[in-house]
Amino acid sequence: MSDRYLGFANSTLGRKLVDALGLPRPVPLERWQAGRLRPIEGALVLGGGPLAAQVAAIAPRLTADCYSFNSDLLPAPAWVAGLGPKLKAVVFDASALSDSDMLKQLREFFQPLLRSLAPSAHVLILGRAPEHLADPLASVAQGALEGFSRSLGKELRNGATANLLYVGEGAQTQLEGALRFFLSPKSAFVSGQVLRLAACAAQVEDWTRPLAGRRALVTGAARGIGAAIAETLARDGAEVTLLDVPQAQRDLDAVAARLGGRALGLDICAADAAAQLIDALPEGLDIVVHNAGITRDKTLANMTPEYWDAVLAVNLKAPQVLTQALFEAGMLHDNARITLLASVSGIAGNRGQANYAASKAGLIGFAQAWAPRLATQGASINAVAPGFIETHMTAAMPMALREAGRRLSSLGQGGLPQDVAEAIAWLSQPGSGAINGQALRVCGQALMGA
């Protein structure tokens, strides 16, 4: 369903009217399109500590236009406020900030840049995880980056985003994959997020097809977000098996045929679902995306046992049972990547969705619990928590709730299934084992939750 307010607010008449009334005016976001050659089409500016020099070495593969700001140590021409080009991407390395007094460097770096950001610009701050620092003063300074980055994301305009990446020891070799995601339109609907990057031996060999040769399974793939995930994984080179309930077989077959993938009609809640899945996938898997999910909304006072049980069975129990079975049968290859579709409802809660929120919070806990076990074979598991995404489910919501869901974020609009799919495709890459046991929100920095 299209966002009519977004279209109207950016028309000639609508722009004048909403500005005159003081209404929010979200802008259309720039998203990744086929045929794009570089992650960044425009100027990238770098600054800050030693990690910025490593980013500078990667920069020629990201953009043809790289500058430095407030730094004489970087091998890039200086960007001059008011004279330099509009900025499409910004990276500031704050990892060397070791006490509270040094935090002023954040203001000194970012304040002159903010009025020179291009539409749909992407800002990324690099730091060190506070819990891994021995010096309490440094830990405090690095912890402060979280509040700064989230606040910055809420101040940016014109579709710009801001995120924070804590880079662990030995994780610098995986910076390129993170930069290709966070500084490009692939992260159009990701803002105000904080992730931790750890060391990972696996590497992407071909950035044009980072998933080449990898076998993927996507559940709930007949339409909506699931179909978009399958399409994006296939675009990046994966061999995709699409799974959905037998009742959706016709749609499932159509998507599979279009992508050159395989369709598998299967009820994931069936008693023999795990056995059927293992029999159907003798080659094993490199990528598993547990996308299948349902809603049965009622306030807790009116919640029937059937509604409760159905949601917990599909959304939470089935992913656990299937993952356990695949793991024990040796069907998960070394360096496998598992992604669980959680929700911001599982983080912040939502009235009338106690069952749904419990199931989605459980998936985040599932990722945290399984991460150490999978790491022993180089595998990883993470949760992606979408916010308001334009799907057939949200189109069926009452208009007032639908509009509230769209506007209550820093980007002031709903996301698209592609936004969720891009995040999952990144987490499915070989090098993304550097992210493990974490939850990434794809919500436009929704105002509900953290």
Protein backbone atom coordinates (compact mmCIF):
# COMPACT_ATOMS: atom_id res chain seq x y z
CA MET A 1 0.00 0.00 0.00
CA SER A 2 1.41 3.41 -0.94
CA ASP A 3 1.98 6.17 1.61
CA ARG A 4 -0.28 8.90 0.27
CA TYR A 5 0.83 11.47 2.84
CA LEU A 6 4.48 10.98 1.84
CA GLY A 7 3.59 11.57 -1.79
CA PHE A 8 1.41 14.59 -1.03
CA ALA A 9 3.93 16.20 1.35
CA ASN A 10 6.56 16.14 -1.40
CA SER A 11 4.34 17.53 -4.14
CA THR A 12 4.53 21.23 -5.02
CA LEU A 13 1.23 22.09 -3.34
CA GLY A 14 1.69 19.67 -0.47
CA ARG A 15 5.14 20.96 0.42
CA LYS A 16 3.81 24.49 0.82
CA LEU A 17 0.82 23.34 2.86
CA VAL A 18 2.59 21.04 5.30
CA ASP A 19 5.36 23.60 5.84
CA ALA A 20 2.80 26.31 6.51
CA LEU A 21 0.99 24.10 9.04
CA GLY A 22 4.20 22.95 10.68
CA LEU A 23 3.51 19.29 9.83
CA PRO A 24 6.30 16.75 9.35
CA ARG A 25 7.54 16.32 5.81
CA PRO A 26 9.27 12.97 5.38
CA VAL A 27 11.24 12.62 2.17
CA PRO A 28 11.41 9.61 -0.17
CA LEU A 29 14.40 7.48 0.82
CA GLU A 30 17.10 6.48 -1.62
CA ARG A 31 17.28 2.68 -1.88
CA TRP A 32 19.64 0.28 -3.62
CA GLN A 33 18.85 -0.31 -7.28
CA ALA A 34 20.11 -2.87 -9.75
CA GLY A 35 23.08 -1.72 -11.78
CA ARG A 36 24.55 0.49 -9.07
CA LEU A 37 28.35 0.25 -9.16
CA ARG A 38 29.48 1.78 -5.85
CA PRO A 39 28.04 1.76 -2.33
CA ILE A 40 28.42 5.56 -2.14
CA GLU A 41 27.50 7.79 -5.06
CA GLY A 42 28.84 11.09 -3.81
CA ALA A 43 31.34 12.48 -1.31
CA LEU A 44 32.59 10.57 1.74
CA VAL A 45 34.27 12.49 4.55
CA LEU A 46 36.44 10.88 7.23
CA GLY A 47 37.78 12.03 10.56
CA GLY A 48 38.81 11.00 14.04
CA GLY A 49 41.21 8.34 15.29
CA PRO A 50 43.31 5.49 13.84
CA LEU A 51 40.43 3.48 12.38
CA ALA A 52 39.75 6.38 10.01
CA ALA A 53 43.04 5.62 8.27
CA GLN A 54 41.90 2.03 7.69
CA VAL A 55 38.62 3.31 6.29
CA ALA A 56 40.61 5.61 3.99
CA ALA A 57 42.39 2.56 2.57
CA ILE A 58 39.01 0.96 1.80
CA ALA A 59 37.41 4.19 0.54
CA PRO A 60 38.44 3.90 -3.16
CA ARG A 61 36.31 0.74 -3.37
CA LEU A 62 33.36 2.61 -1.87
CA THR A 63 33.39 5.94 -3.68
CA ALA A 64 35.37 8.02 -6.14
CA ASP A 65 35.13 11.10 -3.93
CA CYS A 66 36.79 10.92 -0.47
CA TYR A 67 37.80 13.77 1.86
CA SER A 68 39.14 14.27 5.37
CA PHE A 69 37.91 16.77 7.93
CA ASN A 70 39.66 18.08 11.06
CA SER A 71 42.58 15.75 10.40
CA ASP A 72 46.05 16.22 8.94
CA LEU A 73 46.90 12.51 9.11
CA LEU A 74 44.53 11.07 6.54
CA PRO A 75 45.61 10.55 2.90
CA ALA A 76 42.68 12.48 1.47
CA PRO A 77 42.10 16.12 0.50
CA ALA A 78 40.58 18.30 3.19
CA TRP A 79 36.88 19.05 3.05
CA VAL A 80 36.11 22.72 3.75
CA ALA A 81 32.77 23.68 5.28
CA GLY A 82 30.76 25.86 2.92
CA LEU A 83 33.08 25.18 -0.01
CA GLY A 84 33.25 21.42 -0.31
CA PRO A 85 30.62 19.22 -1.97
CA LYS A 86 27.49 17.97 -0.26
CA LEU A 87 28.26 14.87 1.78
CA LYS A 88 26.67 11.52 1.02
CA ALA A 89 28.50 9.62 3.76
CA VAL A 90 30.41 10.44 6.95
CA VAL A 91 32.63 8.21 9.09
CA PHE A 92 34.05 9.44 12.40
CA ASP A 93 36.37 7.21 14.39
CA ALA A 94 35.68 7.91 18.06
CA SER A 95 37.58 4.83 19.29
CA ALA A 96 40.43 6.94 20.69
CA LEU A 97 38.18 9.06 22.93
CA SER A 98 39.43 7.98 26.35
CA ASP A 99 37.77 10.38 28.79
CA SER A 100 34.76 12.66 29.05
CA ASP A 101 36.70 15.79 28.12
CA MET A 102 37.52 14.29 24.73
CA LEU A 103 33.84 13.95 23.88
CA LYS A 104 33.91 17.57 22.71
CA GLN A 105 35.51 16.22 19.54
CA LEU A 106 32.08 14.93 18.58
CA ARG A 107 30.64 18.43 18.52
CA GLU A 108 33.72 19.89 16.84
CA PHE A 109 33.57 17.33 14.06
CA PHE A 110 29.86 17.01 13.39
CA GLN A 111 28.53 20.53 13.95
CA PRO A 112 30.15 22.04 10.81
CA LEU A 113 29.01 19.09 8.68
CA LEU A 114 25.32 18.91 9.48
CA ARG A 115 24.18 21.61 7.08
CA SER A 116 26.19 20.05 4.26
CA LEU A 117 24.62 16.59 4.23
CA ALA A 118 23.06 15.46 0.96
CA PRO A 119 19.58 13.86 0.97
CA SER A 120 19.66 10.27 2.30
CA ALA A 121 23.16 10.72 3.69
CA HIS A 122 24.59 8.05 5.99
CA VAL A 123 26.64 8.75 9.13
CA LEU A 124 28.62 6.03 10.89
CA ILE A 125 30.49 6.43 14.17
CA LEU A 126 33.17 3.89 15.13
CA GLY A 127 34.08 3.11 18.73
CA ARG A 128 35.27 0.44 21.15
CA ALA A 129 32.81 -1.62 23.20
CA PRO A 130 32.81 -0.12 26.72
CA GLU A 131 32.52 -3.51 28.43
CA HIS A 132 35.85 -4.60 26.96
CA LEU A 133 37.89 -1.62 28.18
CA ALA A 134 40.00 -1.84 31.33
CA ASP A 135 40.15 1.93 31.88
CA PRO A 136 36.90 3.14 33.55
CA LEU A 137 37.32 6.64 32.08
CA ALA A 138 37.62 5.25 28.57
CA SER A 139 34.66 2.96 29.16
CA VAL A 140 32.53 5.92 30.21
CA ALA A 141 33.55 7.94 27.15
CA GLN A 142 32.81 5.06 24.78
CA GLY A 143 29.47 4.42 26.46
CA ALA A 144 28.54 8.05 25.86
CA LEU A 145 28.72 7.42 22.12
CA GLU A 146 25.47 5.47 22.25
CA GLY A 147 23.43 8.39 23.53
CA PHE A 148 25.15 10.77 21.13
CA SER A 149 24.59 8.61 18.05
CA ARG A 150 20.92 7.97 18.82
CA SER A 151 20.31 11.67 19.41
CA LEU A 152 22.15 12.58 16.23
CA GLY A 153 19.92 10.20 14.29
CA LYS A 154 16.85 12.03 15.60
CA GLU A 155 18.25 15.42 14.58
CA LEU A 156 19.18 14.52 11.01
CA ARG A 157 16.84 15.53 8.21
CA ASN A 158 16.16 14.72 4.55
CA GLY A 159 16.30 10.95 5.00
CA ALA A 160 19.76 10.88 6.62
CA THR A 161 20.69 8.14 9.10
CA ALA A 162 23.22 7.73 11.91
CA ASN A 163 24.52 4.51 13.45
CA LEU A 164 27.23 3.36 15.85
CA LEU A 165 29.58 0.42 15.34
CA TYR A 166 31.80 -0.77 18.18
CA VAL A 167 34.85 -2.41 16.58
CA GLY A 168 36.51 -5.17 18.60
CA GLU A 169 40.13 -6.28 18.59
CA GLY A 170 40.96 -7.94 15.29
CA ALA A 171 37.65 -6.93 13.73
CA GLN A 172 39.14 -4.29 11.45
CA THR A 173 39.36 -6.84 8.65
CA GLN A 174 35.54 -6.94 8.57
CA LEU A 175 35.04 -3.19 8.35
CA GLU A 176 34.47 -3.18 4.61
CA GLY A 177 31.33 -5.29 4.76
CA ALA A 178 29.86 -3.09 7.49
CA LEU A 179 30.74 0.08 5.58
CA ARG A 180 29.18 -1.26 2.39
CA PHE A 181 25.95 -1.73 4.31
CA PHE A 182 25.78 1.26 6.65
CA LEU A 183 27.04 3.86 4.15
CA SER A 184 24.87 2.75 1.24
CA PRO A 185 21.14 2.81 0.43
CA LYS A 186 20.98 -0.78 1.65
CA SER A 187 20.61 0.68 5.15
CA ALA A 188 18.03 3.29 4.10
CA PHE A 189 15.65 2.41 6.95
CA VAL A 190 18.29 1.65 9.62
CA SER A 191 19.10 4.49 12.00
CA GLY A 192 19.96 4.97 15.66
CA GLN A 193 21.35 1.43 15.89
CA VAL A 194 24.33 0.15 17.87
CA LEU A 195 26.16 -3.03 16.84
CA ARG A 196 29.36 -4.76 17.95
CA LEU A 197 31.81 -6.05 15.35
CA ALA A 198 34.09 -8.92 16.42
CA ALA A 199 36.92 -10.76 14.70
CA CYS A 200 35.87 -13.18 11.95
CA ALA A 201 38.12 -15.26 9.73
CA ALA A 202 35.67 -15.69 6.84
CA GLN A 203 35.83 -13.13 4.05
CA VAL A 204 33.69 -12.09 1.10
CA GLU A 205 35.50 -12.95 -2.13
CA ASP A 206 33.34 -11.07 -4.63
CA TRP A 207 31.44 -7.97 -3.53
CA THR A 208 29.24 -8.07 -6.63
CA ARG A 209 27.92 -11.50 -5.54
CA PRO A 210 28.83 -11.84 -1.86
CA LEU A 211 26.62 -14.92 -1.36
CA ALA A 212 27.77 -16.86 -4.42
CA GLY A 213 27.79 -20.61 -3.87
CA ARG A 214 25.87 -20.44 -0.59
CA ARG A 215 22.65 -22.40 -0.03
CA ALA A 216 19.84 -20.50 1.69
CA LEU A 217 16.48 -21.38 3.21
CA VAL A 218 13.81 -18.72 3.74
CA THR A 219 10.60 -19.60 5.59
CA GLY A 220 7.36 -17.71 4.97
CA ALA A 221 8.68 -16.87 1.51
CA ALA A 222 5.51 -16.87 -0.61
CA ARG A 223 4.96 -13.13 -0.38
CA GLY A 224 5.76 -9.89 1.46
CA ILE A 225 8.96 -9.67 3.47
CA GLY A 226 9.79 -13.34 2.93
CA ALA A 227 9.63 -13.04 -0.85
CA ALA A 228 11.77 -9.87 -0.72
CA ILE A 229 14.37 -11.69 1.40
CA ALA A 230 14.54 -14.57 -1.06
CA GLU A 231 14.85 -12.16 -3.98
CA THR A 232 17.68 -10.22 -2.33
CA LEU A 233 19.61 -13.34 -1.34
CA ALA A 234 19.28 -14.62 -4.90
CA ARG A 235 20.42 -11.26 -6.26
CA ASP A 236 23.57 -11.59 -4.16
CA GLY A 237 24.29 -15.04 -5.54
CA ALA A 238 22.67 -17.50 -3.12
CA GLU A 239 20.86 -20.68 -4.21
CA VAL A 240 17.51 -20.21 -2.51
CA THR A 241 14.95 -22.69 -1.18
CA LEU A 242 11.65 -20.98 -0.42
CA LEU A 243 9.40 -22.53 2.22
CA ASP A 244 5.80 -21.74 3.09
CA VAL A 245 2.61 -23.52 4.09
CA PRO A 246 1.07 -25.84 1.45
CA GLN A 247 -1.91 -23.46 1.11
CA ALA A 248 0.47 -20.87 -0.36
CA GLN A 249 2.01 -23.29 -2.86
CA ARG A 250 0.86 -21.39 -5.96
CA ASP A 251 2.42 -18.10 -4.82
CA LEU A 252 5.47 -19.95 -3.56
CA ASP A 253 6.00 -21.68 -6.91
CA ALA A 254 5.70 -18.37 -8.74
CA VAL A 255 8.35 -16.67 -6.62
CA ALA A 256 10.68 -19.66 -6.83
CA ALA A 257 10.34 -19.82 -10.61
CA ARG A 258 11.11 -16.13 -10.93
CA LEU A 259 14.24 -16.46 -8.81
CA GLY A 260 15.43 -19.78 -10.18
CA GLY A 261 14.98 -21.24 -6.70
CA ARG A 262 13.22 -24.22 -5.20
CA ALA A 263 9.76 -24.21 -3.60
CA LEU A 264 9.01 -26.34 -0.55
CA GLY A 265 5.46 -26.51 0.80
CA LEU A 266 5.69 -27.42 4.48
CA ASP A 267 3.87 -26.63 7.72
CA ILE A 268 6.71 -25.74 10.09
CA CYS A 269 4.52 -26.61 13.07
CA ALA A 270 3.86 -30.17 11.90
CA ALA A 271 5.13 -32.91 14.19
CA ASP A 272 7.44 -34.22 11.46
CA ALA A 273 8.43 -30.81 10.03
CA ALA A 274 12.07 -31.14 11.06
CA ALA A 275 12.38 -34.61 9.51
CA GLN A 276 10.74 -33.42 6.28
CA LEU A 277 13.05 -30.42 6.11
CA ILE A 278 16.18 -32.51 6.60
CA ASP A 279 15.07 -34.99 3.95
CA ALA A 280 14.38 -32.15 1.50
CA LEU A 281 17.79 -30.50 1.97
CA PRO A 282 20.42 -33.24 1.78
CA GLU A 283 23.11 -30.76 0.70
CA GLY A 284 22.81 -28.81 3.94
CA LEU A 285 22.58 -25.04 4.40
CA ASP A 286 24.79 -21.99 4.67
CA ILE A 287 21.97 -19.50 5.35
CA VAL A 288 18.74 -19.93 7.30
CA VAL A 289 16.17 -17.14 7.61
CA HIS A 290 13.31 -17.83 10.00
CA ASN A 291 10.82 -15.34 8.59
CA ALA A 292 7.50 -17.22 8.93
CA GLY A 293 5.23 -15.60 11.50
CA ILE A 294 1.60 -14.84 12.32
CA THR A 295 -0.37 -12.42 14.46
CA ARG A 296 -3.46 -13.10 16.53
CA ASP A 297 -4.04 -9.80 18.32
CA LYS A 298 -6.19 -9.43 21.43
CA THR A 299 -5.69 -7.68 24.72
CA LEU A 300 -4.53 -10.14 27.36
CA ALA A 301 -7.89 -9.97 29.12
CA ASN A 302 -9.54 -11.26 25.93
CA MET A 303 -6.77 -13.55 24.70
CA THR A 304 -7.98 -17.06 23.92
CA PRO A 305 -5.72 -20.10 24.46
CA GLU A 306 -5.94 -20.79 20.72
CA TYR A 307 -4.64 -17.32 19.82
CA TRP A 308 -1.82 -17.56 22.35
CA ASP A 309 -0.72 -21.05 21.38
CA ALA A 310 -0.82 -20.44 17.62
CA VAL A 311 1.44 -17.39 17.74
CA LEU A 312 3.98 -18.96 20.10
CA ALA A 313 4.04 -22.17 18.05
CA VAL A 314 4.71 -20.52 14.68
CA ASN A 315 6.80 -17.56 15.72
CA LEU A 316 8.98 -19.00 18.47
CA LYS A 317 8.78 -22.75 18.93
CA ALA A 318 9.11 -23.75 15.27
CA PRO A 319 12.36 -21.79 14.70
CA GLN A 320 13.84 -23.42 17.80
CA VAL A 321 12.80 -26.94 16.80
CA LEU A 322 14.00 -26.59 13.21
CA THR A 323 17.31 -24.95 14.15
CA GLN A 324 18.01 -27.60 16.77
CA ALA A 325 17.24 -30.37 14.27
CA LEU A 326 19.43 -28.85 11.54
CA PHE A 327 22.28 -28.37 14.02
CA GLU A 328 22.13 -31.88 15.45
CA ALA A 329 21.86 -33.45 11.98
CA GLY A 330 24.98 -31.61 10.84
CA MET A 331 22.99 -29.75 8.18
CA LEU A 332 24.41 -26.33 9.10
CA HIS A 333 27.69 -25.83 7.27
CA ASP A 334 30.70 -24.20 8.88
CA ASN A 335 30.30 -20.40 8.80
CA ALA A 336 26.52 -20.74 8.49
CA ARG A 337 24.44 -17.62 9.06
CA ILE A 338 21.03 -17.76 10.79
CA THR A 339 18.68 -14.78 11.02
CA LEU A 340 15.50 -14.63 13.09
CA LEU A 341 12.72 -12.18 12.20
CA ALA A 342 11.92 -10.46 15.48
CA SER A 343 10.04 -7.15 15.82
CA VAL A 344 10.22 -3.83 17.62
CA SER A 345 7.11 -5.10 19.42
CA GLY A 346 9.36 -7.65 21.06
CA ILE A 347 11.61 -4.85 22.31
CA ALA A 348 9.09 -2.20 23.36
CA GLY A 349 5.89 -4.22 23.69
CA ASN A 350 2.62 -3.31 22.04
CA ARG A 351 -0.93 -3.14 23.37
CA GLY A 352 -2.98 -6.11 22.24
CA GLN A 353 0.10 -8.08 21.21
CA ALA A 354 1.26 -9.79 24.39
CA ASN A 355 1.53 -13.12 22.57
CA TYR A 356 3.28 -11.65 19.52
CA ALA A 357 5.66 -9.50 21.59
CA ALA A 358 6.55 -12.46 23.78
CA SER A 359 7.34 -14.58 20.74
CA LYS A 360 9.50 -11.91 19.13
CA ALA A 361 11.36 -11.09 22.35
CA GLY A 362 11.92 -14.81 22.69
CA LEU A 363 13.62 -14.86 19.29
CA ILE A 364 16.07 -12.18 20.43
CA GLY A 365 16.81 -14.31 23.47
CA PHE A 366 17.17 -17.34 21.21
CA ALA A 367 19.87 -15.54 19.20
CA GLN A 368 21.72 -14.57 22.37
CA ALA A 369 21.51 -18.09 23.80
CA TRP A 370 22.65 -19.90 20.66
CA ALA A 371 25.41 -17.50 19.60
CA PRO A 372 28.22 -19.11 21.66
CA ARG A 373 27.28 -22.61 20.55
CA LEU A 374 27.26 -21.73 16.86
CA ALA A 375 30.45 -19.68 17.13
CA THR A 376 32.41 -22.88 17.76
CA GLN A 377 31.95 -23.76 14.08
CA GLY A 378 32.29 -20.21 12.78
CA ALA A 379 28.51 -19.85 12.48
CA SER A 380 26.43 -16.95 13.75
CA ILE A 381 22.83 -16.18 14.66
CA ASN A 382 21.19 -12.76 14.89
CA ALA A 383 17.77 -11.19 15.06
CA VAL A 384 16.43 -8.50 12.75
CA ALA A 385 13.62 -6.49 14.32
CA PRO A 386 11.52 -4.60 11.75
CA GLY A 387 9.40 -1.64 12.72
CA PHE A 388 6.48 -0.46 10.59
CA ILE A 389 6.94 -2.08 7.17
CA GLU A 390 4.54 -1.55 4.25
CA THR A 391 3.03 -5.03 3.74
CA HIS A 392 -0.40 -6.57 3.26
CA MET A 393 -0.58 -6.98 7.05
CA THR A 394 -0.01 -3.30 7.82
CA ALA A 395 -2.31 -2.29 4.95
CA ALA A 396 -5.13 -4.03 6.82
CA MET A 397 -4.60 -1.96 9.97
CA PRO A 398 -7.09 0.81 10.89
CA MET A 399 -6.05 4.05 9.21
CA ALA A 400 -5.24 5.92 12.44
CA LEU A 401 -2.96 3.17 13.71
CA ARG A 402 -1.35 2.81 10.32
CA GLU A 403 -0.56 6.52 10.10
CA ALA A 404 0.79 6.55 13.67
CA GLY A 405 3.03 3.61 12.85
CA ARG A 406 4.39 5.40 9.81
CA ARG A 407 5.08 8.76 11.45
CA LEU A 408 6.45 7.69 14.85
CA SER A 409 10.04 7.34 13.72
CA SER A 410 12.93 9.65 12.96
CA LEU A 411 12.43 9.05 9.23
CA GLY A 412 8.69 9.71 9.50
CA GLN A 413 7.55 6.89 7.21
CA GLY A 414 7.17 3.16 6.93
CA GLY A 415 9.87 0.91 5.59
CA LEU A 416 9.69 -1.47 2.65
CA PRO A 417 10.22 -5.24 2.60
CA GLN A 418 13.44 -4.52 0.70
CA ASP A 419 14.82 -2.72 3.77
CA VAL A 420 14.47 -5.84 5.90
CA ALA A 421 15.85 -8.01 3.11
CA GLU A 422 18.97 -5.86 2.68
CA ALA A 423 19.81 -6.16 6.39
CA ILE A 424 19.40 -9.93 6.27
CA ALA A 425 21.50 -10.22 3.11
CA TRP A 426 24.31 -8.36 4.87
CA LEU A 427 24.07 -10.55 7.97
CA SER A 428 24.16 -13.60 5.68
CA GLN A 429 27.55 -12.75 4.19
CA PRO A 430 30.58 -14.87 5.16
CA GLY A 431 32.26 -11.94 6.92
CA SER A 432 29.17 -11.09 8.92
CA GLY A 433 30.08 -13.77 11.41
CA ALA A 434 31.62 -10.69 13.01
CA ILE A 435 28.07 -9.97 14.22
CA ASN A 436 26.71 -12.69 16.52
CA GLY A 437 23.91 -12.87 19.08
CA GLN A 438 22.73 -9.34 18.37
CA ALA A 439 19.50 -7.63 17.33
CA LEU A 440 19.41 -5.10 14.49
CA ARG A 441 16.33 -2.91 14.26
CA VAL A 442 15.12 -1.97 10.78
CA CYS A 443 12.63 0.64 11.92
CA GLY A 444 13.67 4.10 10.76
CA GLN A 445 14.63 4.72 14.41
CA ALA A 446 11.14 4.13 15.73
CA LEU A 447 10.28 6.26 18.73
CA MET A 448 9.10 3.17 20.64
CA GLY A 449 11.82 1.15 22.36
CA ALA A 450 15.56 1.76 22.46
